Amino acid sequence: MQFSYQMITTFMAFVLFNSVGAAPVVDGTDAAAGAAAWADPTDCHRFYECPPGGKPVLKTCGPGTAFQSQTSVCDYEHLVASCWHH
């Protein structure tokens, strides 16, 4: 009985943690929230995000990351072409 309970608990934790993730991005738009995101042309570590009907907000990626225009998410700095000159 203990083994079955542990297996069920482990499976539920796996499902919970793997179902929580980033919303898909389509053409620079967050499909879930309808927010658009684009790179700051002066700094590869910053980007603008604009919710539907709202005003653009300047945001900064975390340490060691930069905004990836193709996917509209922050990615490792060495994978972002606009940061290669730094």
C-alpha atoms as a PDB file:
ATOM      1  CA  MET A   1       0.000   0.000   0.000  1.00  0.00           C
ATOM      2  CA  GLN A   2       2.835   2.400   0.865  1.00  0.00           C
ATOM      3  CA  PHE A   3       4.462   1.805  -2.553  1.00  0.00           C
ATOM      4  CA  SER A   4       1.213   2.627  -4.383  1.00  0.00           C
ATOM      5  CA  TYR A   5       0.756   5.849  -2.423  1.00  0.00           C
ATOM      6  CA  GLN A   6       4.334   6.911  -3.196  1.00  0.00           C
ATOM      7  CA  MET A   7       3.882   6.132  -6.894  1.00  0.00           C
ATOM      8  CA  ILE A   8       0.642   8.111  -7.086  1.00  0.00           C
ATOM      9  CA  THR A   9       2.192  11.059  -5.224  1.00  0.00           C
ATOM     10  CA  THR A  10       5.255  11.015  -7.481  1.00  0.00           C
ATOM     11  CA  PHE A  11       3.126  10.832 -10.613  1.00  0.00           C
ATOM     12  CA  MET A  12       0.896  13.713  -9.499  1.00  0.00           C
ATOM     13  CA  ALA A  13       3.955  15.863  -8.674  1.00  0.00           C
ATOM     14  CA  PHE A  14       5.416  15.051 -12.095  1.00  0.00           C
ATOM     15  CA  VAL A  15       2.202  16.056 -13.860  1.00  0.00           C
ATOM     16  CA  LEU A  16       1.848  19.240 -11.820  1.00  0.00           C
ATOM     17  CA  PHE A  17       5.414  20.461 -12.363  1.00  0.00           C
ATOM     18  CA  ASN A  18       5.482  19.576 -16.054  1.00  0.00           C
ATOM     19  CA  SER A  19       2.130  21.163 -16.853  1.00  0.00           C
ATOM     20  CA  VAL A  20       3.161  24.573 -15.496  1.00  0.00           C
ATOM     21  CA  GLY A  21       5.231  26.284 -18.165  1.00  0.00           C
ATOM     22  CA  ALA A  22       5.593  29.240 -20.420  1.00  0.00           C
ATOM     23  CA  ALA A  23       2.739  30.140 -22.708  1.00  0.00           C
ATOM     24  CA  PRO A  24       3.389  29.638 -26.413  1.00  0.00           C
ATOM     25  CA  VAL A  25       4.673  32.616 -28.344  1.00  0.00           C
ATOM     26  CA  VAL A  26       3.331  33.201 -31.828  1.00  0.00           C
ATOM     27  CA  ASP A  27       4.808  35.951 -34.027  1.00  0.00           C
ATOM     28  CA  GLY A  28       6.174  37.834 -31.015  1.00  0.00           C
ATOM     29  CA  THR A  29       2.838  37.663 -29.204  1.00  0.00           C
ATOM     30  CA  ASP A  30       2.160  35.774 -25.990  1.00  0.00           C
ATOM     31  CA  ALA A  31      -0.765  33.593 -27.075  1.00  0.00           C
ATOM     32  CA  ALA A  32      -2.137  33.172 -23.553  1.00  0.00           C
ATOM     33  CA  ALA A  33      -2.107  36.770 -22.428  1.00  0.00           C
ATOM     34  CA  GLY A  34      -2.116  38.488 -25.826  1.00  0.00           C
ATOM     35  CA  ALA A  35       0.970  40.500 -24.824  1.00  0.00           C
ATOM     36  CA  ALA A  36       3.473  41.548 -27.485  1.00  0.00           C
ATOM     37  CA  ALA A  37       7.230  41.587 -26.772  1.00  0.00           C
ATOM     38  CA  TRP A  38      10.122  43.065 -28.747  1.00  0.00           C
ATOM     39  CA  ALA A  39      13.826  43.737 -28.207  1.00  0.00           C
ATOM     40  CA  ASP A  40      15.229  47.053 -27.034  1.00  0.00           C
ATOM     41  CA  PRO A  41      17.349  48.194 -29.996  1.00  0.00           C
ATOM     42  CA  THR A  42      20.014  49.730 -27.710  1.00  0.00           C
ATOM     43  CA  ASP A  43      20.528  46.870 -25.209  1.00  0.00           C
ATOM     44  CA  CYS A  44      20.223  43.136 -25.929  1.00  0.00           C
ATOM     45  CA  HIS A  45      19.449  42.469 -22.241  1.00  0.00           C
ATOM     46  CA  ARG A  46      16.268  44.547 -22.252  1.00  0.00           C
ATOM     47  CA  PHE A  47      12.924  44.205 -24.011  1.00  0.00           C
ATOM     48  CA  TYR A  48       9.532  45.832 -24.151  1.00  0.00           C
ATOM     49  CA  GLU A  49       6.336  44.014 -23.281  1.00  0.00           C
ATOM     50  CA  CYS A  50       2.916  45.416 -24.035  1.00  0.00           C
ATOM     51  CA  PRO A  51      -0.325  43.856 -22.777  1.00  0.00           C
ATOM     52  CA  PRO A  52      -3.409  44.185 -24.976  1.00  0.00           C
ATOM     53  CA  GLY A  53      -4.692  47.743 -24.719  1.00  0.00           C
ATOM     54  CA  GLY A  54      -1.847  48.730 -22.419  1.00  0.00           C
ATOM     55  CA  LYS A  55       1.366  50.711 -22.632  1.00  0.00           C
ATOM     56  CA  PRO A  56       4.784  49.143 -23.373  1.00  0.00           C
ATOM     57  CA  VAL A  57       6.841  48.319 -20.276  1.00  0.00           C
ATOM     58  CA  LEU A  58      10.651  48.107 -20.389  1.00  0.00           C
ATOM     59  CA  LYS A  59      11.891  44.873 -18.762  1.00  0.00           C
ATOM     60  CA  THR A  60      15.333  43.378 -18.204  1.00  0.00           C
ATOM     61  CA  CYS A  61      16.368  39.750 -18.609  1.00  0.00           C
ATOM     62  CA  GLY A  62      18.052  37.964 -15.718  1.00  0.00           C
ATOM     63  CA  PRO A  63      21.828  37.766 -15.232  1.00  0.00           C
ATOM     64  CA  GLY A  64      23.608  35.926 -18.059  1.00  0.00           C
ATOM     65  CA  THR A  65      20.583  36.100 -20.348  1.00  0.00           C
ATOM     66  CA  ALA A  66      19.432  38.334 -23.188  1.00  0.00           C
ATOM     67  CA  PHE A  67      16.207  38.803 -25.139  1.00  0.00           C
ATOM     68  CA  GLN A  68      15.871  36.390 -28.065  1.00  0.00           C
ATOM     69  CA  SER A  69      13.737  38.053 -30.755  1.00  0.00           C
ATOM     70  CA  GLN A  70      12.919  34.798 -32.579  1.00  0.00           C
ATOM     71  CA  THR A  71      11.270  33.243 -29.519  1.00  0.00           C
ATOM     72  CA  SER A  72      10.374  36.402 -27.548  1.00  0.00           C
ATOM     73  CA  VAL A  73      11.937  35.043 -24.359  1.00  0.00           C
ATOM     74  CA  CYS A  74      15.174  35.594 -22.445  1.00  0.00           C
ATOM     75  CA  ASP A  75      17.802  33.028 -23.458  1.00  0.00           C
ATOM     76  CA  TYR A  76      21.450  32.384 -22.654  1.00  0.00           C
ATOM     77  CA  GLU A  77      23.462  35.412 -23.744  1.00  0.00           C
ATOM     78  CA  HIS A  78      25.797  33.393 -25.999  1.00  0.00           C
ATOM     79  CA  LEU A  79      22.787  32.159 -28.002  1.00  0.00           C
ATOM     80  CA  VAL A  80      21.480  35.681 -28.779  1.00  0.00           C
ATOM     81  CA  ALA A  81      23.027  37.111 -31.960  1.00  0.00           C
ATOM     82  CA  SER A  82      22.389  40.737 -30.994  1.00  0.00           C
ATOM     83  CA  CYS A  83      24.727  40.288 -27.974  1.00  0.00           C
ATOM     84  CA  TRP A  84      27.675  38.801 -29.863  1.00  0.00           C
ATOM     85  CA  HIS A  85      29.374  42.187 -30.200  1.00  0.00           C
ATOM     86  CA  HIS A  86      29.549  42.628 -26.383  1.00  0.00           C
END
